[in-house]
Amino acid sequence: MVTSSNKNRLFSLLNYTAKRLYPLCLASLLLLLTACTQQSPEAETALPCTAAWYQAVESSISSGDGMGHGPDIGSEEWKSVIEFKLGVRDNPDVPDRNSSEWCRFIDDLL
């Protein structure tokens, strides 16, 4: 038989537990959000003009249309899209796309 006294004890226990778990849940949520916003160490240390660097640039500036279509990463078309998205396409200061200077130029903009 459930009595009023038992109900009060149960609600007190639930209230006490919720108060103790709230900070833990909040801390876990903040930790999760922080982990999701950090860049991977590979992206931060990738050398320009390497496959890892091209992938890091793509992760930072998506060249696709949002539906899975886009140029091949690292291709001439991809580089043109990256220049466009950075607002430097047709800028005479942009180095030749087939040079390592181009990669360093883009890396500096990022």
PDB file of N, CA and C in Angstrom:
ATOM      1  N   MET A   1       0.827  -1.178   0.000  1.00  0.00           N
ATOM      2  CA  MET A   1       0.000   0.000   0.000  1.00  0.00           C
ATOM      3  C   MET A   1       0.877   1.249   0.000  1.00  0.00           C
ATOM      4  N   VAL A   2       0.568   2.172  -0.904  1.00  0.00           N
ATOM      5  CA  VAL A   2       1.333   3.409  -1.014  1.00  0.00           C
ATOM      6  C   VAL A   2       0.665   4.453  -0.146  1.00  0.00           C
ATOM      7  N   THR A   3       1.444   4.931   0.788  1.00  0.00           N
ATOM      8  CA  THR A   3       0.909   5.940   1.707  1.00  0.00           C
ATOM      9  C   THR A   3       1.458   7.304   1.333  1.00  0.00           C
ATOM     10  N   SER A   4       0.861   8.297   1.916  1.00  0.00           N
ATOM     11  CA  SER A   4       1.307   9.666   1.687  1.00  0.00           C
ATOM     12  C   SER A   4       2.741   9.847   2.159  1.00  0.00           C
ATOM     13  N   SER A   5       3.072   9.207   3.247  1.00  0.00           N
ATOM     14  CA  SER A   5       4.428   9.286   3.793  1.00  0.00           C
ATOM     15  C   SER A   5       5.438   8.677   2.826  1.00  0.00           C
ATOM     16  N   ASN A   6       5.079   7.521   2.229  1.00  0.00           N
ATOM     17  CA  ASN A   6       5.969   6.878   1.254  1.00  0.00           C
ATOM     18  C   ASN A   6       6.155   7.745   0.012  1.00  0.00           C
ATOM     19  N   LYS A   7       5.053   8.373  -0.417  1.00  0.00           N
ATOM     20  CA  LYS A   7       5.135   9.250  -1.582  1.00  0.00           C
ATOM     21  C   LYS A   7       6.067  10.420  -1.300  1.00  0.00           C
ATOM     22  N   ASN A   8       5.950  10.997  -0.124  1.00  0.00           N
ATOM     23  CA  ASN A   8       6.799  12.131   0.236  1.00  0.00           C
ATOM     24  C   ASN A   8       8.273  11.724   0.275  1.00  0.00           C
ATOM     25  N   ARG A   9       8.556  10.537   0.815  1.00  0.00           N
ATOM     26  CA  ARG A   9       9.941  10.051   0.860  1.00  0.00           C
ATOM     27  C   ARG A   9      10.473   9.819  -0.552  1.00  0.00           C
ATOM     28  N   LEU A  10       9.639   9.256  -1.418  1.00  0.00           N
ATOM     29  CA  LEU A  10      10.046   9.002  -2.797  1.00  0.00           C
ATOM     30  C   LEU A  10      10.337  10.317  -3.526  1.00  0.00           C
ATOM     31  N   PHE A  11       9.448  11.295  -3.393  1.00  0.00           N
ATOM     32  CA  PHE A  11       9.674  12.588  -4.037  1.00  0.00           C
ATOM     33  C   PHE A  11      10.903  13.284  -3.470  1.00  0.00           C
ATOM     34  N   SER A  12      11.131  13.160  -2.195  1.00  0.00           N
ATOM     35  CA  SER A  12      12.324  13.747  -1.574  1.00  0.00           C
ATOM     36  C   SER A  12      13.584  13.100  -2.133  1.00  0.00           C
ATOM     37  N   LEU A  13      13.553  11.780  -2.274  1.00  0.00           N
ATOM     38  CA  LEU A  13      14.701  11.058  -2.819  1.00  0.00           C
ATOM     39  C   LEU A  13      14.948  11.456  -4.271  1.00  0.00           C
ATOM     40  N   LEU A  14      13.877  11.542  -5.064  1.00  0.00           N
ATOM     41  CA  LEU A  14      14.017  11.946  -6.461  1.00  0.00           C
ATOM     42  C   LEU A  14      14.544  13.374  -6.573  1.00  0.00           C
ATOM     43  N   ASN A  15      14.043  14.267  -5.764  1.00  0.00           N
ATOM     44  CA  ASN A  15      14.481  15.658  -5.761  1.00  0.00           C
ATOM     45  C   ASN A  15      15.963  15.742  -5.390  1.00  0.00           C
ATOM     46  N   TYR A  16      16.360  15.000  -4.356  1.00  0.00           N
ATOM     47  CA  TYR A  16      17.752  14.975  -3.908  1.00  0.00           C
ATOM     48  C   TYR A  16      18.658  14.433  -5.013  1.00  0.00           C
ATOM     49  N   THR A  17      18.239  13.357  -5.662  1.00  0.00           N
ATOM     50  CA  THR A  17      19.027  12.736  -6.732  1.00  0.00           C
ATOM     51  C   THR A  17      19.154  13.689  -7.920  1.00  0.00           C
ATOM     52  N   ALA A  18      18.058  14.333  -8.295  1.00  0.00           N
ATOM     53  CA  ALA A  18      18.084  15.255  -9.426  1.00  0.00           C
ATOM     54  C   ALA A  18      19.027  16.421  -9.154  1.00  0.00           C
ATOM     55  N   LYS A  19      19.012  16.933  -7.939  1.00  0.00           N
ATOM     56  CA  LYS A  19      19.900  18.048  -7.582  1.00  0.00           C
ATOM     57  C   LYS A  19      21.361  17.620  -7.640  1.00  0.00           C
ATOM     58  N   ARG A  20      21.642  16.381  -7.295  1.00  0.00           N
ATOM     59  CA  ARG A  20      23.028  15.896  -7.312  1.00  0.00           C
ATOM     60  C   ARG A  20      23.486  15.574  -8.733  1.00  0.00           C
ATOM     61  N   LEU A  21      22.576  15.120  -9.579  1.00  0.00           N
ATOM     62  CA  LEU A  21      22.939  14.744 -10.942  1.00  0.00           C
ATOM     63  C   LEU A  21      22.993  15.930 -11.905  1.00  0.00           C
ATOM     64  N   TYR A  22      22.277  16.996 -11.604  1.00  0.00           N
ATOM     65  CA  TYR A  22      22.216  18.146 -12.505  1.00  0.00           C
ATOM     66  C   TYR A  22      23.606  18.695 -12.859  1.00  0.00           C
ATOM     67  N   PRO A  23      24.460  18.970 -11.872  1.00  0.00           N
ATOM     68  CA  PRO A  23      25.796  19.483 -12.238  1.00  0.00           C
ATOM     69  C   PRO A  23      26.602  18.493 -13.079  1.00  0.00           C
ATOM     70  N   LEU A  24      26.467  17.218 -12.791  1.00  0.00           N
ATOM     71  CA  LEU A  24      27.182  16.207 -13.556  1.00  0.00           C
ATOM     72  C   LEU A  24      26.688  16.179 -15.009  1.00  0.00           C
ATOM     73  N   CYS A  25      25.391  16.237 -15.200  1.00  0.00           N
ATOM     74  CA  CYS A  25      24.827  16.253 -16.554  1.00  0.00           C
ATOM     75  C   CYS A  25      25.246  17.513 -17.304  1.00  0.00           C
ATOM     76  N   LEU A  26      25.228  18.640 -16.633  1.00  0.00           N
ATOM     77  CA  LEU A  26      25.615  19.896 -17.251  1.00  0.00           C
ATOM     78  C   LEU A  26      27.091  19.867 -17.655  1.00  0.00           C
ATOM     79  N   ALA A  27      27.944  19.377 -16.775  1.00  0.00           N
ATOM     80  CA  ALA A  27      29.375  19.270 -17.083  1.00  0.00           C
ATOM     81  C   ALA A  27      29.607  18.322 -18.254  1.00  0.00           C
ATOM     82  N   SER A  28      28.886  17.222 -18.293  1.00  0.00           N
ATOM     83  CA  SER A  28      29.029  16.266 -19.398  1.00  0.00           C
ATOM     84  C   SER A  28      28.613  16.895 -20.722  1.00  0.00           C
ATOM     85  N   LEU A  29      27.541  17.647 -20.710  1.00  0.00           N
ATOM     86  CA  LEU A  29      27.067  18.310 -21.919  1.00  0.00           C
ATOM     87  C   LEU A  29      28.083  19.334 -22.407  1.00  0.00           C
ATOM     88  N   LEU A  30      28.638  20.130 -21.514  1.00  0.00           N
ATOM     89  CA  LEU A  30      29.650  21.115 -21.897  1.00  0.00           C
ATOM     90  C   LEU A  30      30.901  20.450 -22.451  1.00  0.00           C
ATOM     91  N   LEU A  31      31.304  19.367 -21.840  1.00  0.00           N
ATOM     92  CA  LEU A  31      32.471  18.624 -22.323  1.00  0.00           C
ATOM     93  C   LEU A  31      32.221  18.087 -23.726  1.00  0.00           C
ATOM     94  N   LEU A  32      31.050  17.554 -23.962  1.00  0.00           N
ATOM     95  CA  LEU A  32      30.690  17.024 -25.270  1.00  0.00           C
ATOM     96  C   LEU A  32      30.689  18.128 -26.317  1.00  0.00           C
ATOM     97  N   LEU A  33      30.108  19.269 -26.004  1.00  0.00           N
ATOM     98  CA  LEU A  33      30.076  20.383 -26.950  1.00  0.00           C
ATOM     99  C   LEU A  33      31.468  20.894 -27.252  1.00  0.00           C
ATOM    100  N   THR A  34      32.316  20.964 -26.259  1.00  0.00           N
ATOM    101  CA  THR A  34      33.690  21.417 -26.464  1.00  0.00           C
ATOM    102  C   THR A  34      34.445  20.445 -27.350  1.00  0.00           C
ATOM    103  N   ALA A  35      34.284  19.177 -27.127  1.00  0.00           N
ATOM    104  CA  ALA A  35      34.976  18.162 -27.923  1.00  0.00           C
ATOM    105  C   ALA A  35      34.532  18.217 -29.378  1.00  0.00           C
ATOM    106  N   CYS A  36      33.282  18.540 -29.626  1.00  0.00           N
ATOM    107  CA  CYS A  36      32.772  18.567 -30.994  1.00  0.00           C
ATOM    108  C   CYS A  36      33.246  19.788 -31.772  1.00  0.00           C
ATOM    109  N   THR A  37      33.699  20.840 -31.103  1.00  0.00           N
ATOM    110  CA  THR A  37      34.104  22.050 -31.802  1.00  0.00           C
ATOM    111  C   THR A  37      35.601  22.142 -32.020  1.00  0.00           C
ATOM    112  N   GLN A  38      36.370  21.270 -31.443  1.00  0.00           N
ATOM    113  CA  GLN A  38      37.810  21.337 -31.607  1.00  0.00           C
ATOM    114  C   GLN A  38      38.224  20.676 -32.911  1.00  0.00           C
ATOM    115  N   GLN A  39      39.254  21.280 -33.556  1.00  0.00           N
ATOM    116  CA  GLN A  39      39.788  20.668 -34.760  1.00  0.00           C
ATOM    117  C   GLN A  39      40.676  19.509 -34.387  1.00  0.00           C
ATOM    118  N   SER A  40      40.774  18.582 -35.292  1.00  0.00           N
ATOM    119  CA  SER A  40      41.647  17.444 -35.052  1.00  0.00           C
ATOM    120  C   SER A  40      43.095  17.898 -35.162  1.00  0.00           C
ATOM    121  N   PRO A  41      44.009  17.269 -34.418  1.00  0.00           N
ATOM    122  CA  PRO A  41      45.420  17.637 -34.506  1.00  0.00           C
ATOM    123  C   PRO A  41      45.975  17.490 -35.921  1.00  0.00           C
ATOM    124  N   GLU A  42      45.446  16.533 -36.704  1.00  0.00           N
ATOM    125  CA  GLU A  42      45.929  16.347 -38.066  1.00  0.00           C
ATOM    126  C   GLU A  42      45.653  17.583 -38.915  1.00  0.00           C
ATOM    127  N   ALA A  43      44.485  18.180 -38.737  1.00  0.00           N
ATOM    128  CA  ALA A  43      44.130  19.356 -39.525  1.00  0.00           C
ATOM    129  C   ALA A  43      45.020  20.540 -39.163  1.00  0.00           C
ATOM    130  N   GLU A  44      45.388  20.651 -37.902  1.00  0.00           N
ATOM    131  CA  GLU A  44      46.203  21.764 -37.455  1.00  0.00           C
ATOM    132  C   GLU A  44      47.653  21.622 -37.899  1.00  0.00           C
ATOM    133  N   THR A  45      48.123  20.412 -38.109  1.00  0.00           N
ATOM    134  CA  THR A  45      49.532  20.194 -38.421  1.00  0.00           C
ATOM    135  C   THR A  45      49.780  19.710 -39.834  1.00  0.00           C
ATOM    136  N   ALA A  46      48.757  19.599 -40.653  1.00  0.00           N
ATOM    137  CA  ALA A  46      48.934  19.091 -42.015  1.00  0.00           C
ATOM    138  C   ALA A  46      49.796  20.061 -42.827  1.00  0.00           C
ATOM    139  N   LEU A  47      50.745  19.512 -43.527  1.00  0.00           N
ATOM    140  CA  LEU A  47      51.609  20.320 -44.383  1.00  0.00           C
ATOM    141  C   LEU A  47      50.856  20.706 -45.643  1.00  0.00           C
ATOM    142  N   PRO A  48      51.026  21.968 -46.093  1.00  0.00           N
ATOM    143  CA  PRO A  48      50.343  22.402 -47.315  1.00  0.00           C
ATOM    144  C   PRO A  48      50.659  21.504 -48.505  1.00  0.00           C
ATOM    145  N   CYS A  49      49.681  21.347 -49.357  1.00  0.00           N
ATOM    146  CA  CYS A  49      49.753  20.572 -50.606  1.00  0.00           C
ATOM    147  C   CYS A  49      49.840  19.061 -50.391  1.00  0.00           C
ATOM    148  N   THR A  50      49.499  18.596 -49.209  1.00  0.00           N
ATOM    149  CA  THR A  50      49.436  17.154 -48.979  1.00  0.00           C
ATOM    150  C   THR A  50      47.961  16.749 -48.976  1.00  0.00           C
ATOM    151  N   ALA A  51      47.719  15.465 -49.103  1.00  0.00           N
ATOM    152  CA  ALA A  51      46.332  14.977 -49.085  1.00  0.00           C
ATOM    153  C   ALA A  51      45.639  15.366 -47.781  1.00  0.00           C
ATOM    154  N   ALA A  52      46.366  15.296 -46.670  1.00  0.00           N
ATOM    155  CA  ALA A  52      45.785  15.674 -45.370  1.00  0.00           C
ATOM    156  C   ALA A  52      45.438  17.159 -45.351  1.00  0.00           C
ATOM    157  N   TRP A  53      46.276  17.980 -45.949  1.00  0.00           N
ATOM    158  CA  TRP A  53      46.014  19.422 -45.990  1.00  0.00           C
ATOM    159  C   TRP A  53      44.785  19.717 -46.838  1.00  0.00           C
ATOM    160  N   TYR A  54      44.705  19.086 -48.031  1.00  0.00           N
ATOM    161  CA  TYR A  54      43.528  19.292 -48.877  1.00  0.00           C
ATOM    162  C   TYR A  54      42.253  18.905 -48.130  1.00  0.00           C
ATOM    163  N   GLN A  55      42.300  17.809 -47.401  1.00  0.00           N
ATOM    164  CA  GLN A  55      41.126  17.362 -46.644  1.00  0.00           C
ATOM    165  C   GLN A  55      40.790  18.346 -45.528  1.00  0.00           C
ATOM    166  N   ALA A  56      41.822  18.894 -44.874  1.00  0.00           N
ATOM    167  CA  ALA A  56      41.591  19.882 -43.810  1.00  0.00           C
ATOM    168  C   ALA A  56      40.956  21.146 -44.377  1.00  0.00           C
ATOM    169  N   VAL A  57      41.411  21.574 -45.555  1.00  0.00           N
ATOM    170  CA  VAL A  57      40.815  22.745 -46.208  1.00  0.00           C
ATOM    171  C   VAL A  57      39.361  22.451 -46.554  1.00  0.00           C
ATOM    172  N   GLU A  58      39.114  21.269 -47.104  1.00  0.00           N
ATOM    173  CA  GLU A  58      37.746  20.878 -47.458  1.00  0.00           C
ATOM    174  C   GLU A  58      36.844  20.852 -46.230  1.00  0.00           C
ATOM    175  N   SER A  59      37.376  20.410 -45.110  1.00  0.00           N
ATOM    176  CA  SER A  59      36.595  20.383 -43.865  1.00  0.00           C
ATOM    177  C   SER A  59      36.275  21.792 -43.400  1.00  0.00           C
ATOM    178  N   SER A  60      37.184  22.713 -43.673  1.00  0.00           N
ATOM    179  CA  SER A  60      36.996  24.103 -43.260  1.00  0.00           C
ATOM    180  C   SER A  60      36.090  24.869 -44.224  1.00  0.00           C
ATOM    181  N   ILE A  61      36.273  24.624 -45.512  1.00  0.00           N
ATOM    182  CA  ILE A  61      35.508  25.314 -46.551  1.00  0.00           C
ATOM    183  C   ILE A  61      34.954  24.253 -47.493  1.00  0.00           C
ATOM    184  N   SER A  62      33.735  23.880 -47.312  1.00  0.00           N
ATOM    185  CA  SER A  62      33.152  22.822 -48.148  1.00  0.00           C
ATOM    186  C   SER A  62      32.987  23.299 -49.585  1.00  0.00           C
ATOM    187  N   SER A  63      33.460  22.483 -50.518  1.00  0.00           N
ATOM    188  CA  SER A  63      33.338  22.831 -51.933  1.00  0.00           C
ATOM    189  C   SER A  63      32.092  22.212 -52.561  1.00  0.00           C
ATOM    190  N   GLY A  64      31.409  21.375 -51.819  1.00  0.00           N
ATOM    191  CA  GLY A  64      30.237  20.686 -52.348  1.00  0.00           C
ATOM    192  C   GLY A  64      28.988  21.532 -52.305  1.00  0.00           C
ATOM    193  N   ASP A  65      27.919  20.966 -52.836  1.00  0.00           N
ATOM    194  CA  ASP A  65      26.640  21.672 -52.900  1.00  0.00           C
ATOM    195  C   ASP A  65      25.704  21.300 -51.751  1.00  0.00           C
ATOM    196  N   GLY A  66      26.219  20.535 -50.790  1.00  0.00           N
ATOM    197  CA  GLY A  66      25.403  20.131 -49.659  1.00  0.00           C
ATOM    198  C   GLY A  66      24.597  18.866 -49.909  1.00  0.00           C
ATOM    199  N   MET A  67      24.640  18.359 -51.137  1.00  0.00           N
ATOM    200  CA  MET A  67      23.899  17.146 -51.472  1.00  0.00           C
ATOM    201  C   MET A  67      24.837  16.041 -51.959  1.00  0.00           C
ATOM    202  N   GLY A  68      26.110  16.162 -51.596  1.00  0.00           N
ATOM    203  CA  GLY A  68      27.067  15.128 -51.949  1.00  0.00           C
ATOM    204  C   GLY A  68      27.754  15.323 -53.282  1.00  0.00           C
ATOM    205  N   HIS A  69      27.491  16.454 -53.942  1.00  0.00           N
ATOM    206  CA  HIS A  69      28.111  16.725 -55.239  1.00  0.00           C
ATOM    207  C   HIS A  69      29.150  17.810 -55.075  1.00  0.00           C
ATOM    208  N   GLY A  70      30.242  17.654 -55.781  1.00  0.00           N
ATOM    209  CA  GLY A  70      31.286  18.666 -55.763  1.00  0.00           C
ATOM    210  C   GLY A  70      32.508  18.168 -56.493  1.00  0.00           C
ATOM    211  N   PRO A  71      33.474  19.068 -56.677  1.00  0.00           N
ATOM    212  CA  PRO A  71      34.684  18.679 -57.404  1.00  0.00           C
ATOM    213  C   PRO A  71      35.549  17.732 -56.580  1.00  0.00           C
ATOM    214  N   ASP A  72      36.425  17.026 -57.262  1.00  0.00           N
ATOM    215  CA  ASP A  72      37.377  16.153 -56.574  1.00  0.00           C
ATOM    216  C   ASP A  72      38.336  17.016 -55.764  1.00  0.00           C
ATOM    217  N   ILE A  73      38.515  16.643 -54.511  1.00  0.00           N
ATOM    218  CA  ILE A  73      39.374  17.409 -53.614  1.00  0.00           C
ATOM    219  C   ILE A  73      40.789  17.451 -54.176  1.00  0.00           C
ATOM    220  N   GLY A  74      41.331  18.658 -54.273  1.00  0.00           N
ATOM    221  CA  GLY A  74      42.679  18.869 -54.780  1.00  0.00           C
ATOM    222  C   GLY A  74      42.755  19.132 -56.271  1.00  0.00           C
ATOM    223  N   SER A  75      41.634  18.953 -56.984  1.00  0.00           N
ATOM    224  CA  SER A  75      41.639  19.163 -58.439  1.00  0.00           C
ATOM    225  C   SER A  75      41.663  20.662 -58.757  1.00  0.00           C
ATOM    226  N   GLU A  76      41.915  20.970 -60.014  1.00  0.00           N
ATOM    227  CA  GLU A  76      41.917  22.360 -60.480  1.00  0.00           C
ATOM    228  C   GLU A  76      40.563  23.024 -60.195  1.00  0.00           C
ATOM    229  N   GLU A  77      39.477  22.293 -60.470  1.00  0.00           N
ATOM    230  CA  GLU A  77      38.128  22.819 -60.212  1.00  0.00           C
ATOM    231  C   GLU A  77      37.929  23.073 -58.724  1.00  0.00           C
ATOM    232  N   TRP A  78      38.404  22.155 -57.883  1.00  0.00           N
ATOM    233  CA  TRP A  78      38.277  22.309 -56.436  1.00  0.00           C
ATOM    234  C   TRP A  78      39.020  23.557 -55.970  1.00  0.00           C
ATOM    235  N   LYS A  79      40.236  23.749 -56.484  1.00  0.00           N
ATOM    236  CA  LYS A  79      41.023  24.921 -56.099  1.00  0.00           C
ATOM    237  C   LYS A  79      40.314  26.210 -56.497  1.00  0.00           C
ATOM    238  N   SER A  80      39.682  26.201 -57.669  1.00  0.00           N
ATOM    239  CA  SER A  80      38.925  27.364 -58.122  1.00  0.00           C
ATOM    240  C   SER A  80      37.762  27.665 -57.177  1.00  0.00           C
ATOM    241  N   VAL A  81      37.068  26.619 -56.746  1.00  0.00           N
ATOM    242  CA  VAL A  81      35.945  26.795 -55.807  1.00  0.00           C
ATOM    243  C   VAL A  81      36.454  27.342 -54.477  1.00  0.00           C
ATOM    244  N   ILE A  82      37.580  26.832 -53.993  1.00  0.00           N
ATOM    245  CA  ILE A  82      38.154  27.319 -52.732  1.00  0.00           C
ATOM    246  C   ILE A  82      38.496  28.800 -52.862  1.00  0.00           C
ATOM    247  N   GLU A  83      39.117  29.187 -53.977  1.00  0.00           N
ATOM    248  CA  GLU A  83      39.419  30.599 -54.205  1.00  0.00           C
ATOM    249  C   GLU A  83      38.138  31.442 -54.199  1.00  0.00           C
ATOM    250  N   PHE A  84      37.107  30.941 -54.866  1.00  0.00           N
ATOM    251  CA  PHE A  84      35.832  31.665 -54.924  1.00  0.00           C
ATOM    252  C   PHE A  84      35.247  31.852 -53.533  1.00  0.00           C
ATOM    253  N   LYS A  85      35.238  30.772 -52.749  1.00  0.00           N
ATOM    254  CA  LYS A  85      34.638  30.845 -51.410  1.00  0.00           C
ATOM    255  C   LYS A  85      35.445  31.747 -50.478  1.00  0.00           C
ATOM    256  N   LEU A  86      36.738  31.883 -50.745  1.00  0.00           N
ATOM    257  CA  LEU A  86      37.576  32.783 -49.944  1.00  0.00           C
ATOM    258  C   LEU A  86      37.570  34.209 -50.491  1.00  0.00           C
ATOM    259  N   GLY A  87      36.916  34.402 -51.628  1.00  0.00           N
ATOM    260  CA  GLY A  87      36.804  35.734 -52.212  1.00  0.00           C
ATOM    261  C   GLY A  87      38.067  36.223 -52.892  1.00  0.00           C
ATOM    262  N   VAL A  88      38.916  35.302 -53.369  1.00  0.00           N
ATOM    263  CA  VAL A  88      40.168  35.714 -54.007  1.00  0.00           C
ATOM    264  C   VAL A  88      40.285  35.253 -55.460  1.00  0.00           C
ATOM    265  N   ARG A  89      39.246  34.633 -55.993  1.00  0.00           N
ATOM    266  CA  ARG A  89      39.324  34.187 -57.386  1.00  0.00           C
ATOM    267  C   ARG A  89      39.526  35.411 -58.282  1.00  0.00           C
ATOM    268  N   ASP A  90      40.382  35.264 -59.282  1.00  0.00           N
ATOM    269  CA  ASP A  90      40.738  36.322 -60.235  1.00  0.00           C
ATOM    270  C   ASP A  90      41.546  37.453 -59.603  1.00  0.00           C
ATOM    271  N   ASN A  91      41.992  37.280 -58.376  1.00  0.00           N
ATOM    272  CA  ASN A  91      42.877  38.242 -57.734  1.00  0.00           C
ATOM    273  C   ASN A  91      44.284  38.015 -58.294  1.00  0.00           C
ATOM    274  N   PRO A  92      44.931  39.061 -58.816  1.00  0.00           N
ATOM    275  CA  PRO A  92      46.260  38.866 -59.413  1.00  0.00           C
ATOM    276  C   PRO A  92      47.336  38.450 -58.408  1.00  0.00           C
ATOM    277  N   ASP A  93      47.080  38.613 -57.122  1.00  0.00           N
ATOM    278  CA  ASP A  93      48.060  38.229 -56.103  1.00  0.00           C
ATOM    279  C   ASP A  93      48.038  36.733 -55.786  1.00  0.00           C
ATOM    280  N   VAL A  94      47.030  36.020 -56.281  1.00  0.00           N
ATOM    281  CA  VAL A  94      46.928  34.586 -56.005  1.00  0.00           C
ATOM    282  C   VAL A  94      47.950  33.842 -56.861  1.00  0.00           C
ATOM    283  N   PRO A  95      48.812  33.041 -56.230  1.00  0.00           N
ATOM    284  CA  PRO A  95      49.802  32.275 -57.002  1.00  0.00           C
ATOM    285  C   PRO A  95      49.142  31.245 -57.912  1.00  0.00           C
ATOM    286  N   ASP A  96      49.921  30.713 -58.836  1.00  0.00           N
ATOM    287  CA  ASP A  96      49.455  29.677 -59.744  1.00  0.00           C
ATOM    288  C   ASP A  96      48.930  28.483 -58.948  1.00  0.00           C
ATOM    289  N   ARG A  97      47.808  27.951 -59.349  1.00  0.00           N
ATOM    290  CA  ARG A  97      47.169  26.855 -58.605  1.00  0.00           C
ATOM    291  C   ARG A  97      48.001  25.579 -58.571  1.00  0.00           C
ATOM    292  N   ASN A  98      48.909  25.413 -59.472  1.00  0.00           N
ATOM    293  CA  ASN A  98      49.727  24.203 -59.498  1.00  0.00           C
ATOM    294  C   ASN A  98      51.044  24.375 -58.745  1.00  0.00           C
ATOM    295  N   SER A  99      51.110  25.383 -57.900  1.00  0.00           N
ATOM    296  CA  SER A  99      52.355  25.633 -57.169  1.00  0.00           C
ATOM    297  C   SER A  99      52.149  25.439 -55.668  1.00  0.00           C
ATOM    298  N   SER A 100      53.252  25.193 -54.985  1.00  0.00           N
ATOM    299  CA  SER A 100      53.182  25.090 -53.519  1.00  0.00           C
ATOM    300  C   SER A 100      52.887  26.455 -52.899  1.00  0.00           C
ATOM    301  N   GLU A 101      53.220  27.528 -53.630  1.00  0.00           N
ATOM    302  CA  GLU A 101      52.912  28.875 -53.141  1.00  0.00           C
ATOM    303  C   GLU A 101      51.396  29.067 -53.010  1.00  0.00           C
ATOM    304  N   TRP A 102      50.642  28.442 -53.932  1.00  0.00           N
ATOM    305  CA  TRP A 102      49.183  28.549 -53.860  1.00  0.00           C
ATOM    306  C   TRP A 102      48.681  27.960 -52.540  1.00  0.00           C
ATOM    307  N   CYS A 103      49.198  26.792 -52.199  1.00  0.00           N
ATOM    308  CA  CYS A 103      48.778  26.146 -50.954  1.00  0.00           C
ATOM    309  C   CYS A 103      49.120  27.010 -49.746  1.00  0.00           C
ATOM    310  N   ARG A 104      50.310  27.575 -49.730  1.00  0.00           N
ATOM    311  CA  ARG A 104      50.706  28.433 -48.609  1.00  0.00           C
ATOM    312  C   ARG A 104      49.833  29.683 -48.555  1.00  0.00           C
ATOM    313  N   PHE A 105      49.511  30.239 -49.729  1.00  0.00           N
ATOM    314  CA  PHE A 105      48.644  31.407 -49.807  1.00  0.00           C
ATOM    315  C   PHE A 105      47.276  31.111 -49.193  1.00  0.00           C
ATOM    316  N   ILE A 106      46.693  29.985 -49.604  1.00  0.00           N
ATOM    317  CA  ILE A 106      45.384  29.583 -49.072  1.00  0.00           C
ATOM    318  C   ILE A 106      45.489  29.288 -47.583  1.00  0.00           C
ATOM    319  N   ASP A 107      46.559  28.609 -47.188  1.00  0.00           N
ATOM    320  CA  ASP A 107      46.767  28.274 -45.768  1.00  0.00           C
ATOM    321  C   ASP A 107      46.813  29.551 -44.929  1.00  0.00           C
ATOM    322  N   ASP A 108      47.469  30.574 -45.423  1.00  0.00           N
ATOM    323  CA  ASP A 108      47.551  31.849 -44.691  1.00  0.00           C
ATOM    324  C   ASP A 108      46.179  32.502 -44.554  1.00  0.00           C
ATOM    325  N   LEU A 109      45.315  32.323 -45.556  1.00  0.00           N
ATOM    326  CA  LEU A 109      43.970  32.901 -45.485  1.00  0.00           C
ATOM    327  C   LEU A 109      43.092  32.179 -44.456  1.00  0.00           C
ATOM    328  N   LEU A 110      43.387  30.911 -44.252  1.00  0.00           N
ATOM    329  CA  LEU A 110      42.598  30.128 -43.306  1.00  0.00           C
ATOM    330  C   LEU A 110      43.062  30.419 -41.919  1.00  0.00           C
TER     331      LEU A 110
END
